[in-house]
Amino acid sequence: MKQYPSNLKYKKYQKLNSFNLKTIEKKVFSINDGNLAIKSIEAGKINFKQIESCRRTIKRGLKKKGNLWIQLFTDVPIYKKSLASRMGKGKGNLAYWVASVKKGTILFEVSGLELEKAIYVLNKSKTKLPIKTKITKNIY
C-alpha cells in the first residue's frame, strides 16, 4: 500500500479546519467488494502506521484464503516543529500522513472466509485503530 500521494501541487499545505468531520459520510457508506467490513462509529484521524498494522493483522488471519480491500488513503500531511525550537521561523517539517475518517466510513473489507473466522480476525484488527469501530455484514 502506498503511504502518501505521489505528486503534490504545493510544497506545504494549510491545516484543515478539524477536517470537517462532524458530518456523516455518504460516499463510502456501503460495502462494495467484501462480505464483512470494519465501519467507523466516530470521526477521527488515522495515520499510516495504524492502517498498516491493521492490514498486517488481517492478512495474517486470512492466510492466503480470503481477500482484503482497504478503503482508506493517507492524503493529509501533518507538519511539526522540533520541541527545542522557538516561536516563529516557519512551519516545520513533514511529520506524517493522516487519513481523515468521518462517521460511517467503511475502512476495511474482507471476503472469502468463514463468518466466525472473519469476525475473529476483524475484532483483532479493530484494537489497533484509535477510533471506535464496528463490524458490519453485507446484506446482499
N, C-alpha and C. Protein backbone atom coordinates (compact mmCIF):
# COMPACT_ATOMS: atom_id res chain seq x y z
N MET A 1 0.83 -1.18 0.00
CA MET A 1 0.00 0.00 0.00
C MET A 1 0.87 1.24 0.00
N LYS A 2 0.48 2.22 -0.77
CA LYS A 2 1.24 3.44 -0.87
C LYS A 2 0.99 4.31 0.35
N GLN A 3 2.05 4.93 0.86
CA GLN A 3 1.94 5.68 2.10
C GLN A 3 1.39 7.08 1.90
N TYR A 4 1.71 7.74 0.79
CA TYR A 4 1.29 9.12 0.58
C TYR A 4 1.13 9.39 -0.92
N PRO A 5 0.48 10.48 -1.30
CA PRO A 5 0.29 10.80 -2.71
C PRO A 5 1.62 11.01 -3.43
N SER A 6 1.68 10.61 -4.70
CA SER A 6 2.94 10.69 -5.42
C SER A 6 3.26 12.10 -5.90
N ASN A 7 2.27 12.85 -6.32
CA ASN A 7 2.55 14.21 -6.77
C ASN A 7 1.68 15.19 -5.99
N LEU A 8 2.30 16.24 -5.49
CA LEU A 8 1.62 17.26 -4.72
C LEU A 8 1.67 18.58 -5.47
N LYS A 9 0.61 19.34 -5.40
CA LYS A 9 0.55 20.61 -6.11
C LYS A 9 1.40 21.67 -5.41
N TYR A 10 1.37 21.68 -4.08
CA TYR A 10 2.11 22.67 -3.31
C TYR A 10 3.11 21.97 -2.40
N LYS A 11 4.13 22.74 -1.98
CA LYS A 11 5.17 22.17 -1.13
C LYS A 11 4.63 21.88 0.27
N LYS A 12 3.89 22.84 0.84
CA LYS A 12 3.29 22.65 2.16
C LYS A 12 1.84 23.09 2.12
N TYR A 13 0.98 22.33 2.79
CA TYR A 13 -0.45 22.59 2.79
C TYR A 13 -0.87 23.23 4.11
N GLN A 14 -1.97 23.99 4.06
CA GLN A 14 -2.52 24.56 5.28
C GLN A 14 -3.24 23.48 6.09
N LYS A 15 -3.34 23.74 7.37
CA LYS A 15 -4.03 22.80 8.25
C LYS A 15 -5.53 22.89 7.98
N LEU A 16 -6.15 21.75 7.76
CA LEU A 16 -7.58 21.74 7.53
C LEU A 16 -8.32 22.00 8.84
N ASN A 17 -9.44 22.68 8.76
CA ASN A 17 -10.19 23.07 9.94
C ASN A 17 -10.90 21.85 10.53
N SER A 18 -10.22 21.15 11.39
CA SER A 18 -10.68 19.93 12.07
C SER A 18 -11.27 18.92 11.08
N PHE A 19 -10.81 18.97 9.84
CA PHE A 19 -11.14 18.01 8.79
C PHE A 19 -12.63 17.94 8.44
N ASN A 20 -13.44 18.85 8.99
CA ASN A 20 -14.88 18.87 8.74
C ASN A 20 -15.48 17.47 8.98
N LEU A 21 -15.18 16.91 10.12
CA LEU A 21 -15.51 15.51 10.40
C LEU A 21 -16.86 15.33 11.10
N LYS A 22 -17.61 16.41 11.33
CA LYS A 22 -18.85 16.28 12.07
C LYS A 22 -19.98 15.71 11.22
N THR A 23 -19.84 15.75 9.92
CA THR A 23 -20.89 15.22 9.05
C THR A 23 -20.76 13.70 8.91
N ILE A 24 -21.82 13.07 8.46
CA ILE A 24 -21.81 11.62 8.24
C ILE A 24 -21.40 11.34 6.81
N GLU A 25 -20.54 10.35 6.62
CA GLU A 25 -20.03 10.01 5.29
C GLU A 25 -21.12 9.36 4.45
N LYS A 26 -21.24 9.79 3.20
CA LYS A 26 -22.24 9.21 2.30
C LYS A 26 -21.61 8.45 1.14
N LYS A 27 -20.37 8.75 0.81
CA LYS A 27 -19.73 8.11 -0.35
C LYS A 27 -19.34 6.66 -0.07
N VAL A 28 -18.65 6.43 1.04
CA VAL A 28 -18.14 5.10 1.35
C VAL A 28 -18.98 4.50 2.48
N PHE A 29 -20.30 4.56 2.32
CA PHE A 29 -21.21 4.15 3.38
C PHE A 29 -21.61 2.69 3.30
N SER A 30 -21.54 2.10 2.09
CA SER A 30 -21.97 0.70 1.93
C SER A 30 -20.79 -0.17 1.51
N ILE A 31 -20.91 -1.47 1.75
CA ILE A 31 -19.86 -2.42 1.41
C ILE A 31 -19.93 -2.70 -0.09
N ASN A 32 -18.81 -2.57 -0.78
CA ASN A 32 -18.78 -2.77 -2.23
C ASN A 32 -18.28 -4.15 -2.62
N ASP A 33 -17.12 -4.56 -2.10
CA ASP A 33 -16.43 -5.75 -2.59
C ASP A 33 -16.57 -6.96 -1.68
N GLY A 34 -16.46 -6.77 -0.38
CA GLY A 34 -16.39 -7.91 0.52
C GLY A 34 -17.71 -8.29 1.15
N ASN A 35 -17.65 -9.28 2.05
CA ASN A 35 -18.82 -9.74 2.80
C ASN A 35 -18.92 -9.05 4.15
N LEU A 36 -17.78 -8.87 4.82
CA LEU A 36 -17.73 -8.20 6.11
C LEU A 36 -16.83 -6.98 6.01
N ALA A 37 -17.10 -5.99 6.87
CA ALA A 37 -16.31 -4.76 6.83
C ALA A 37 -16.18 -4.16 8.22
N ILE A 38 -15.13 -3.35 8.41
CA ILE A 38 -14.98 -2.54 9.61
C ILE A 38 -15.47 -1.15 9.28
N LYS A 39 -16.43 -0.65 10.07
CA LYS A 39 -17.06 0.64 9.83
C LYS A 39 -16.81 1.54 11.03
N SER A 40 -16.52 2.82 10.78
CA SER A 40 -16.25 3.75 11.88
C SER A 40 -17.55 4.22 12.51
N ILE A 41 -17.55 4.32 13.83
CA ILE A 41 -18.70 4.82 14.57
C ILE A 41 -18.51 6.30 14.90
N GLU A 42 -17.26 6.72 15.04
CA GLU A 42 -16.97 8.11 15.34
C GLU A 42 -15.95 8.66 14.35
N ALA A 43 -15.83 9.97 14.30
CA ALA A 43 -14.89 10.63 13.40
C ALA A 43 -13.51 10.73 14.05
N GLY A 44 -12.49 10.82 13.21
CA GLY A 44 -11.13 10.95 13.73
C GLY A 44 -10.09 10.93 12.64
N LYS A 45 -8.84 10.80 13.06
CA LYS A 45 -7.72 10.75 12.14
C LYS A 45 -6.97 9.44 12.35
N ILE A 46 -6.58 8.81 11.26
CA ILE A 46 -5.83 7.56 11.32
C ILE A 46 -4.56 7.75 10.52
N ASN A 47 -3.41 7.50 11.13
CA ASN A 47 -2.17 7.66 10.38
C ASN A 47 -1.76 6.35 9.69
N PHE A 48 -0.72 6.43 8.89
CA PHE A 48 -0.35 5.30 8.04
C PHE A 48 0.09 4.09 8.85
N LYS A 49 0.77 4.30 9.97
CA LYS A 49 1.25 3.17 10.78
C LYS A 49 0.09 2.36 11.34
N GLN A 50 -0.99 3.03 11.72
CA GLN A 50 -2.15 2.32 12.25
C GLN A 50 -2.86 1.53 11.16
N ILE A 51 -2.96 2.10 9.95
CA ILE A 51 -3.56 1.38 8.83
C ILE A 51 -2.73 0.16 8.48
N GLU A 52 -1.42 0.32 8.47
CA GLU A 52 -0.53 -0.78 8.12
C GLU A 52 -0.57 -1.90 9.16
N SER A 53 -0.67 -1.56 10.44
CA SER A 53 -0.74 -2.61 11.47
C SER A 53 -2.07 -3.38 11.37
N CYS A 54 -3.15 -2.68 11.03
CA CYS A 54 -4.43 -3.38 10.80
C CYS A 54 -4.34 -4.29 9.59
N ARG A 55 -3.73 -3.81 8.54
CA ARG A 55 -3.59 -4.61 7.32
C ARG A 55 -2.80 -5.88 7.59
N ARG A 56 -1.73 -5.76 8.37
CA ARG A 56 -0.90 -6.93 8.68
C ARG A 56 -1.65 -7.96 9.50
N THR A 57 -2.41 -7.52 10.50
CA THR A 57 -3.14 -8.48 11.32
C THR A 57 -4.24 -9.18 10.52
N ILE A 58 -4.90 -8.43 9.63
CA ILE A 58 -5.94 -9.05 8.81
C ILE A 58 -5.32 -10.04 7.83
N LYS A 59 -4.24 -9.65 7.17
CA LYS A 59 -3.56 -10.54 6.21
C LYS A 59 -3.05 -11.81 6.90
N ARG A 60 -2.56 -11.66 8.12
CA ARG A 60 -2.07 -12.82 8.87
C ARG A 60 -3.21 -13.78 9.18
N GLY A 61 -4.39 -13.23 9.46
CA GLY A 61 -5.54 -14.07 9.76
C GLY A 61 -6.15 -14.69 8.52
N LEU A 62 -6.01 -14.04 7.37
CA LEU A 62 -6.58 -14.57 6.13
C LEU A 62 -5.83 -15.81 5.63
N LYS A 63 -4.51 -15.83 5.80
CA LYS A 63 -3.65 -16.95 5.39
C LYS A 63 -3.86 -17.34 3.92
N LYS A 64 -3.84 -16.36 3.04
CA LYS A 64 -3.92 -16.55 1.57
C LYS A 64 -5.25 -17.14 1.09
N LYS A 65 -6.26 -17.17 1.96
CA LYS A 65 -7.54 -17.75 1.56
C LYS A 65 -8.54 -16.67 1.13
N GLY A 66 -8.55 -15.54 1.79
CA GLY A 66 -9.54 -14.51 1.52
C GLY A 66 -8.93 -13.29 0.85
N ASN A 67 -9.78 -12.30 0.64
CA ASN A 67 -9.36 -11.04 0.03
C ASN A 67 -9.57 -9.90 1.01
N LEU A 68 -8.73 -8.87 0.87
CA LEU A 68 -8.81 -7.69 1.71
C LEU A 68 -8.83 -6.46 0.83
N TRP A 69 -9.75 -5.53 1.11
CA TRP A 69 -9.79 -4.25 0.42
C TRP A 69 -9.66 -3.16 1.46
N ILE A 70 -8.74 -2.21 1.21
CA ILE A 70 -8.53 -1.07 2.10
C ILE A 70 -9.17 0.14 1.45
N GLN A 71 -10.11 0.76 2.14
CA GLN A 71 -10.84 1.90 1.59
C GLN A 71 -10.28 3.24 2.07
N LEU A 72 -9.16 3.23 2.79
CA LEU A 72 -8.54 4.45 3.30
C LEU A 72 -7.31 4.81 2.50
N PHE A 73 -6.99 6.10 2.47
CA PHE A 73 -5.72 6.53 1.91
C PHE A 73 -5.26 7.76 2.67
N THR A 74 -4.00 7.75 3.09
CA THR A 74 -3.47 8.87 3.85
C THR A 74 -3.10 9.99 2.89
N ASP A 75 -3.90 11.04 2.87
CA ASP A 75 -3.67 12.11 1.91
C ASP A 75 -3.55 13.49 2.56
N VAL A 76 -3.56 13.57 3.89
CA VAL A 76 -3.44 14.85 4.58
C VAL A 76 -2.10 14.89 5.30
N PRO A 77 -1.22 15.85 4.97
CA PRO A 77 0.08 15.91 5.65
C PRO A 77 -0.03 16.64 6.99
N ILE A 78 0.73 16.18 7.97
CA ILE A 78 0.81 16.82 9.28
C ILE A 78 2.26 17.27 9.48
N TYR A 79 2.44 18.55 9.82
CA TYR A 79 3.76 19.14 9.99
C TYR A 79 4.00 19.39 11.47
N LYS A 80 5.27 19.26 11.89
CA LYS A 80 5.64 19.51 13.27
C LYS A 80 6.99 20.20 13.33
N LYS A 81 7.10 21.12 14.27
CA LYS A 81 8.40 21.73 14.54
C LYS A 81 9.07 20.96 15.67
N SER A 82 10.37 21.07 15.76
CA SER A 82 11.08 20.37 16.83
C SER A 82 10.73 21.00 18.17
N LEU A 83 10.87 20.24 19.24
CA LEU A 83 10.47 20.70 20.56
C LEU A 83 11.35 21.83 21.08
N ALA A 84 12.60 21.85 20.71
CA ALA A 84 13.54 22.84 21.24
C ALA A 84 13.50 24.16 20.48
N SER A 85 12.72 24.24 19.41
CA SER A 85 12.73 25.47 18.60
C SER A 85 11.83 26.53 19.22
N ARG A 86 12.19 27.79 18.97
CA ARG A 86 11.41 28.91 19.48
C ARG A 86 10.28 29.25 18.52
N MET A 87 9.44 30.17 18.93
CA MET A 87 8.29 30.56 18.12
C MET A 87 8.75 31.25 16.83
N GLY A 88 7.95 31.10 15.79
CA GLY A 88 8.26 31.76 14.53
C GLY A 88 9.15 30.91 13.64
N LYS A 89 9.75 31.54 12.67
CA LYS A 89 10.72 30.92 11.75
C LYS A 89 10.12 29.78 10.93
N GLY A 90 8.87 29.91 10.51
CA GLY A 90 8.33 28.95 9.56
C GLY A 90 7.48 27.85 10.16
N LYS A 91 7.07 26.98 9.29
CA LYS A 91 6.05 25.98 9.62
C LYS A 91 6.59 24.72 10.27
N GLY A 92 7.69 24.21 9.83
CA GLY A 92 8.20 22.94 10.35
C GLY A 92 8.21 21.88 9.26
N ASN A 93 8.81 20.76 9.56
CA ASN A 93 8.95 19.69 8.59
C ASN A 93 7.77 18.74 8.64
N LEU A 94 7.63 17.97 7.56
CA LEU A 94 6.57 16.98 7.46
C LEU A 94 6.82 15.87 8.47
N ALA A 95 5.83 15.59 9.33
CA ALA A 95 5.99 14.57 10.36
C ALA A 95 5.40 13.24 9.90
N TYR A 96 4.15 13.24 9.44
CA TYR A 96 3.50 12.01 9.00
C TYR A 96 2.27 12.36 8.16
N TRP A 97 1.67 11.33 7.59
CA TRP A 97 0.47 11.49 6.78
C TRP A 97 -0.73 10.90 7.51
N VAL A 98 -1.91 11.50 7.30
CA VAL A 98 -3.11 11.13 8.03
C VAL A 98 -4.27 10.95 7.06
N ALA A 99 -5.15 10.00 7.34
CA ALA A 99 -6.41 9.86 6.62
C ALA A 99 -7.52 10.36 7.53
N SER A 100 -8.33 11.28 7.04
CA SER A 100 -9.44 11.79 7.83
C SER A 100 -10.63 10.86 7.65
N VAL A 101 -11.24 10.43 8.75
CA VAL A 101 -12.32 9.46 8.73
C VAL A 101 -13.57 10.11 9.32
N LYS A 102 -14.67 10.08 8.57
CA LYS A 102 -15.94 10.57 9.06
C LYS A 102 -16.73 9.43 9.68
N LYS A 103 -17.80 9.78 10.35
CA LYS A 103 -18.66 8.77 10.97
C LYS A 103 -19.38 7.99 9.88
N GLY A 104 -19.30 6.66 9.94
CA GLY A 104 -19.98 5.82 8.97
C GLY A 104 -19.14 5.39 7.80
N THR A 105 -17.83 5.69 7.81
CA THR A 105 -16.95 5.31 6.71
C THR A 105 -16.54 3.85 6.82
N ILE A 106 -16.54 3.15 5.70
CA ILE A 106 -16.03 1.78 5.65
C ILE A 106 -14.51 1.86 5.56
N LEU A 107 -13.80 1.17 6.45
CA LEU A 107 -12.34 1.23 6.49
C LEU A 107 -11.70 0.04 5.78
N PHE A 108 -12.10 -1.18 6.15
CA PHE A 108 -11.54 -2.40 5.57
C PHE A 108 -12.69 -3.33 5.19
N GLU A 109 -12.51 -4.07 4.10
CA GLU A 109 -13.49 -5.07 3.67
C GLU A 109 -12.79 -6.41 3.50
N VAL A 110 -13.48 -7.49 3.89
CA VAL A 110 -12.92 -8.84 3.83
C VAL A 110 -13.93 -9.77 3.17
N SER A 111 -13.44 -10.69 2.34
CA SER A 111 -14.30 -11.73 1.77
C SER A 111 -13.50 -13.01 1.61
N GLY A 112 -14.21 -14.13 1.42
CA GLY A 112 -13.56 -15.41 1.16
C GLY A 112 -13.21 -16.21 2.39
N LEU A 113 -13.77 -15.85 3.55
CA LEU A 113 -13.51 -16.59 4.78
C LEU A 113 -14.83 -17.01 5.41
N GLU A 114 -14.75 -17.98 6.32
CA GLU A 114 -15.93 -18.35 7.10
C GLU A 114 -16.31 -17.17 7.99
N LEU A 115 -17.57 -17.08 8.33
CA LEU A 115 -18.09 -15.93 9.07
C LEU A 115 -17.44 -15.78 10.44
N GLU A 116 -17.31 -16.88 11.19
CA GLU A 116 -16.75 -16.82 12.53
C GLU A 116 -15.29 -16.41 12.51
N LYS A 117 -14.53 -16.99 11.58
CA LYS A 117 -13.11 -16.67 11.48
C LYS A 117 -12.90 -15.22 11.04
N ALA A 118 -13.72 -14.76 10.10
CA ALA A 118 -13.60 -13.38 9.62
C ALA A 118 -13.92 -12.38 10.73
N ILE A 119 -14.92 -12.67 11.53
CA ILE A 119 -15.27 -11.80 12.66
C ILE A 119 -14.15 -11.78 13.68
N TYR A 120 -13.54 -12.93 13.94
CA TYR A 120 -12.41 -13.01 14.87
C TYR A 120 -11.24 -12.16 14.39
N VAL A 121 -10.93 -12.26 13.09
CA VAL A 121 -9.80 -11.51 12.52
C VAL A 121 -10.08 -10.01 12.56
N LEU A 122 -11.29 -9.60 12.23
CA LEU A 122 -11.63 -8.18 12.23
C LEU A 122 -11.67 -7.61 13.64
N ASN A 123 -12.12 -8.39 14.61
CA ASN A 123 -12.09 -7.94 16.00
C ASN A 123 -10.67 -7.73 16.49
N LYS A 124 -9.76 -8.58 16.06
CA LYS A 124 -8.36 -8.46 16.43
C LYS A 124 -7.76 -7.17 15.87
N SER A 125 -8.13 -6.85 14.62
CA SER A 125 -7.55 -5.65 14.00
C SER A 125 -8.23 -4.36 14.44
N LYS A 126 -9.44 -4.46 14.99
CA LYS A 126 -10.14 -3.27 15.48
C LYS A 126 -9.39 -2.60 16.63
N THR A 127 -8.67 -3.40 17.40
CA THR A 127 -7.98 -2.86 18.57
C THR A 127 -6.80 -1.97 18.18
N LYS A 128 -6.34 -2.07 16.96
CA LYS A 128 -5.20 -1.28 16.51
C LYS A 128 -5.59 0.13 16.10
N LEU A 129 -6.88 0.41 15.96
CA LEU A 129 -7.35 1.71 15.48
C LEU A 129 -7.65 2.65 16.64
N PRO A 130 -7.42 3.97 16.45
CA PRO A 130 -7.64 4.93 17.54
C PRO A 130 -9.09 5.39 17.68
N ILE A 131 -9.98 4.98 16.76
CA ILE A 131 -11.38 5.39 16.82
C ILE A 131 -12.27 4.19 17.09
N LYS A 132 -13.51 4.45 17.50
CA LYS A 132 -14.46 3.37 17.74
C LYS A 132 -14.99 2.85 16.41
N THR A 133 -15.02 1.53 16.26
CA THR A 133 -15.48 0.91 15.03
C THR A 133 -16.41 -0.26 15.34
N LYS A 134 -17.12 -0.73 14.30
CA LYS A 134 -17.94 -1.93 14.44
C LYS A 134 -17.84 -2.75 13.18
N ILE A 135 -18.23 -4.01 13.28
CA ILE A 135 -18.18 -4.91 12.13
C ILE A 135 -19.58 -4.96 11.51
N THR A 136 -19.64 -4.73 10.20
CA THR A 136 -20.92 -4.79 9.51
C THR A 136 -20.89 -5.90 8.46
N LYS A 137 -22.05 -6.45 8.18
CA LYS A 137 -22.17 -7.55 7.22
C LYS A 137 -22.89 -7.05 5.99
N ASN A 138 -22.50 -7.57 4.81
CA ASN A 138 -23.16 -7.22 3.56
C ASN A 138 -24.51 -7.90 3.52
N ILE A 139 -25.55 -7.16 3.17
CA ILE A 139 -26.91 -7.69 3.15
C ILE A 139 -27.16 -8.55 1.93
N TYR A 140 -26.55 -8.22 0.84
CA TYR A 140 -26.83 -8.90 -0.44
C TYR A 140 -26.42 -10.34 -0.42
